[in-house]
C-alpha cells in the first residue's frame, strides 16, 4: 500500500481572493517540512521556523502555515505560507495546539 504525501495547499478549505492569503517567506535551515506545518517567526533572523510552544526565540508564536513542501536544507529556504484570511482543516495541520489556534485566529486564519 502506498501512502501519498500531502499536496501543496491541501489543508486549505478557503482563502481570500487572488493571492491575498499567501506570501513568499524565508524558512530557517533544517529538516524537511510538509504542507500544513504551523510556523513561527524567529525574531533574531526574521526567518520562519516550525512552531515550538516552549521556545523563546519568536517561534513560540504561531503566525503562518507552510503552503508547500520544503526539502531538508542547511541553508535558508524560500517558501510560501498562508499568513491571513483563510479557513484551514485541523486534521491536515502539523504542530497545532490550542495556543496556536488562537494565535492564528488573530491573523484571520480560522481552524475548522
C-alpha atoms as a PDB file:
ATOM      1  CA  UNK A   1       0.000   0.000   0.000  1.00  0.00           C
ATOM      2  CA  UNK A   2       1.355   3.394  -0.961  1.00  0.00           C
ATOM      3  CA  UNK A   3       0.630   6.429   1.207  1.00  0.00           C
ATOM      4  CA  UNK A   4       0.685   9.672  -0.709  1.00  0.00           C
ATOM      5  CA  UNK A   5       2.256  12.700   0.949  1.00  0.00           C
ATOM      6  CA  UNK A   6       0.200  15.827   1.447  1.00  0.00           C
ATOM      7  CA  UNK A   7      -0.119  18.119  -1.552  1.00  0.00           C
ATOM      8  CA  UNK A   8       0.609  21.849  -1.507  1.00  0.00           C
ATOM      9  CA  UNK A   9      -2.338  23.712  -0.030  1.00  0.00           C
ATOM     10  CA  UNK A  10      -4.286  20.520   0.726  1.00  0.00           C
ATOM     11  CA  UNK A  11      -5.072  21.856   4.207  1.00  0.00           C
ATOM     12  CA  UNK A  12      -6.918  24.904   2.772  1.00  0.00           C
ATOM     13  CA  UNK A  13     -10.697  24.999   2.928  1.00  0.00           C
ATOM     14  CA  UNK A  14     -10.937  28.565   1.594  1.00  0.00           C
ATOM     15  CA  UNK A  15      -8.724  31.620   1.202  1.00  0.00           C
ATOM     16  CA  UNK A  16      -9.027  35.274   0.250  1.00  0.00           C
ATOM     17  CA  UNK A  17      -9.472  36.325  -3.373  1.00  0.00           C
ATOM     18  CA  UNK A  18      -6.408  36.115  -5.585  1.00  0.00           C
ATOM     19  CA  UNK A  19      -3.232  35.579  -3.578  1.00  0.00           C
ATOM     20  CA  UNK A  20      -4.081  37.842  -0.634  1.00  0.00           C
ATOM     21  CA  UNK A  21      -3.742  34.953   1.841  1.00  0.00           C
ATOM     22  CA  UNK A  22      -0.237  33.885   0.732  1.00  0.00           C
ATOM     23  CA  UNK A  23       3.235  35.389   0.989  1.00  0.00           C
ATOM     24  CA  UNK A  24       6.737  34.364  -0.036  1.00  0.00           C
ATOM     25  CA  UNK A  25       8.797  33.658   3.084  1.00  0.00           C
ATOM     26  CA  UNK A  26      12.291  32.646   4.177  1.00  0.00           C
ATOM     27  CA  UNK A  27      12.331  29.422   6.184  1.00  0.00           C
ATOM     28  CA  UNK A  28      15.222  28.604   8.508  1.00  0.00           C
ATOM     29  CA  UNK A  29      17.582  25.765   7.589  1.00  0.00           C
ATOM     30  CA  UNK A  30      16.584  22.396   8.975  1.00  0.00           C
ATOM     31  CA  UNK A  31      14.566  19.250   8.441  1.00  0.00           C
ATOM     32  CA  UNK A  32      12.141  18.691   5.575  1.00  0.00           C
ATOM     33  CA  UNK A  33       8.720  20.254   6.172  1.00  0.00           C
ATOM     34  CA  UNK A  34       5.311  19.238   4.844  1.00  0.00           C
ATOM     35  CA  UNK A  35       2.425  21.499   3.813  1.00  0.00           C
ATOM     36  CA  UNK A  36       0.300  22.361   6.819  1.00  0.00           C
ATOM     37  CA  UNK A  37       3.239  22.879   9.193  1.00  0.00           C
ATOM     38  CA  UNK A  38       2.434  25.653  11.668  1.00  0.00           C
ATOM     39  CA  UNK A  39       5.181  28.290  11.602  1.00  0.00           C
ATOM     40  CA  UNK A  40       6.535  30.940  13.944  1.00  0.00           C
ATOM     41  CA  UNK A  41       8.905  33.801  13.141  1.00  0.00           C
ATOM     42  CA  UNK A  42      12.371  33.729  14.729  1.00  0.00           C
ATOM     43  CA  UNK A  43      12.879  37.281  15.963  1.00  0.00           C
ATOM     44  CA  UNK A  44      16.680  37.449  15.620  1.00  0.00           C
ATOM     45  CA  UNK A  45      16.793  36.266  11.984  1.00  0.00           C
ATOM     46  CA  UNK A  46      13.325  37.143  10.596  1.00  0.00           C
ATOM     47  CA  UNK A  47      13.142  33.574   9.301  1.00  0.00           C
ATOM     48  CA  UNK A  48      10.149  31.311   9.722  1.00  0.00           C
ATOM     49  CA  UNK A  49      10.613  28.049  11.619  1.00  0.00           C
ATOM     50  CA  UNK A  50       8.334  25.264  12.831  1.00  0.00           C
ATOM     51  CA  UNK A  51       6.120  26.434  15.695  1.00  0.00           C
ATOM     52  CA  UNK A  52       7.638  25.440  19.064  1.00  0.00           C
ATOM     53  CA  UNK A  53       5.393  26.413  22.005  1.00  0.00           C
ATOM     54  CA  UNK A  54       8.280  26.106  24.505  1.00  0.00           C
ATOM     55  CA  UNK A  55      10.784  28.175  22.507  1.00  0.00           C
ATOM     56  CA  UNK A  56      11.861  31.677  23.467  1.00  0.00           C
ATOM     57  CA  UNK A  57      13.078  32.935  20.089  1.00  0.00           C
ATOM     58  CA  UNK A  58       9.800  34.016  18.482  1.00  0.00           C
ATOM     59  CA  UNK A  59       8.875  30.599  17.065  1.00  0.00           C
ATOM     60  CA  UNK A  60       6.624  30.100  20.098  1.00  0.00           C
ATOM     61  CA  UNK A  61       4.081  32.399  18.404  1.00  0.00           C
ATOM     62  CA  UNK A  62       2.147  30.676  15.602  1.00  0.00           C
ATOM     63  CA  UNK A  63       1.672  33.165  12.766  1.00  0.00           C
ATOM     64  CA  UNK A  64       1.575  31.228   9.482  1.00  0.00           C
ATOM     65  CA  UNK A  65       1.093  27.828   7.819  1.00  0.00           C
ATOM     66  CA  UNK A  66       3.512  26.394   5.265  1.00  0.00           C
ATOM     67  CA  UNK A  67       1.777  26.120   1.880  1.00  0.00           C
ATOM     68  CA  UNK A  68       4.014  23.647   0.034  1.00  0.00           C
ATOM     69  CA  UNK A  69       6.671  21.064   0.923  1.00  0.00           C
ATOM     70  CA  UNK A  70      10.285  22.036   1.612  1.00  0.00           C
ATOM     71  CA  UNK A  71      13.219  19.645   1.489  1.00  0.00           C
ATOM     72  CA  UNK A  72      15.848  19.325   4.184  1.00  0.00           C
ATOM     73  CA  UNK A  73      18.490  22.030   3.896  1.00  0.00           C
ATOM     74  CA  UNK A  74      21.469  23.501   5.717  1.00  0.00           C
ATOM     75  CA  UNK A  75      20.736  26.969   4.293  1.00  0.00           C
ATOM     76  CA  UNK A  76      17.717  29.263   4.426  1.00  0.00           C
ATOM     77  CA  UNK A  77      14.962  28.110   2.061  1.00  0.00           C
ATOM     78  CA  UNK A  78      12.398  30.101   0.111  1.00  0.00           C
ATOM     79  CA  UNK A  79       8.779  29.022   0.535  1.00  0.00           C
ATOM     80  CA  UNK A  80       5.162  30.179   0.571  1.00  0.00           C
ATOM     81  CA  UNK A  81       2.867  30.441   3.561  1.00  0.00           C
ATOM     82  CA  UNK A  82      -0.721  31.233   4.401  1.00  0.00           C
ATOM     83  CA  UNK A  83      -0.462  34.323   6.601  1.00  0.00           C
ATOM     84  CA  UNK A  84      -4.020  35.753   6.655  1.00  0.00           C
ATOM     85  CA  UNK A  85      -7.651  35.407   5.597  1.00  0.00           C
ATOM     86  CA  UNK A  86      -8.116  31.641   5.280  1.00  0.00           C
ATOM     87  CA  UNK A  87     -10.032  28.674   6.635  1.00  0.00           C
ATOM     88  CA  UNK A  88      -7.943  25.548   7.200  1.00  0.00           C
ATOM     89  CA  UNK A  89      -8.576  21.904   8.056  1.00  0.00           C
ATOM     90  CA  UNK A  90      -7.481  20.977  11.570  1.00  0.00           C
ATOM     91  CA  UNK A  91      -6.840  17.375  10.504  1.00  0.00           C
ATOM     92  CA  UNK A  92      -4.201  18.485   7.986  1.00  0.00           C
ATOM     93  CA  UNK A  93      -2.109  20.729  10.251  1.00  0.00           C
ATOM     94  CA  UNK A  94       1.158  19.802  11.944  1.00  0.00           C
ATOM     95  CA  UNK A  95       2.018  21.292  15.332  1.00  0.00           C
ATOM     96  CA  UNK A  96      -1.444  22.624  16.127  1.00  0.00           C
ATOM     97  CA  UNK A  97      -2.378  23.184  19.756  1.00  0.00           C
ATOM     98  CA  UNK A  98      -4.918  25.481  21.406  1.00  0.00           C
ATOM     99  CA  UNK A  99      -2.445  28.372  21.734  1.00  0.00           C
ATOM    100  CA  UNK A 100      -1.508  28.098  18.037  1.00  0.00           C
ATOM    101  CA  UNK A 101      -5.165  28.001  17.018  1.00  0.00           C
ATOM    102  CA  UNK A 102      -5.866  31.201  18.962  1.00  0.00           C
ATOM    103  CA  UNK A 103      -2.749  32.917  17.616  1.00  0.00           C
ATOM    104  CA  UNK A 104      -3.617  32.045  14.006  1.00  0.00           C
ATOM    105  CA  UNK A 105      -7.104  33.450  14.580  1.00  0.00           C
ATOM    106  CA  UNK A 106      -5.581  36.889  15.224  1.00  0.00           C
ATOM    107  CA  UNK A 107      -4.480  36.877  11.551  1.00  0.00           C
ATOM    108  CA  UNK A 108      -7.906  35.596  10.482  1.00  0.00           C
ATOM    109  CA  UNK A 109      -6.676  32.075   9.829  1.00  0.00           C
ATOM    110  CA  UNK A 110      -9.606  30.029  11.094  1.00  0.00           C
ATOM    111  CA  UNK A 111      -9.163  26.363  12.014  1.00  0.00           C
ATOM    112  CA  UNK A 112     -12.202  24.218  11.193  1.00  0.00           C
END
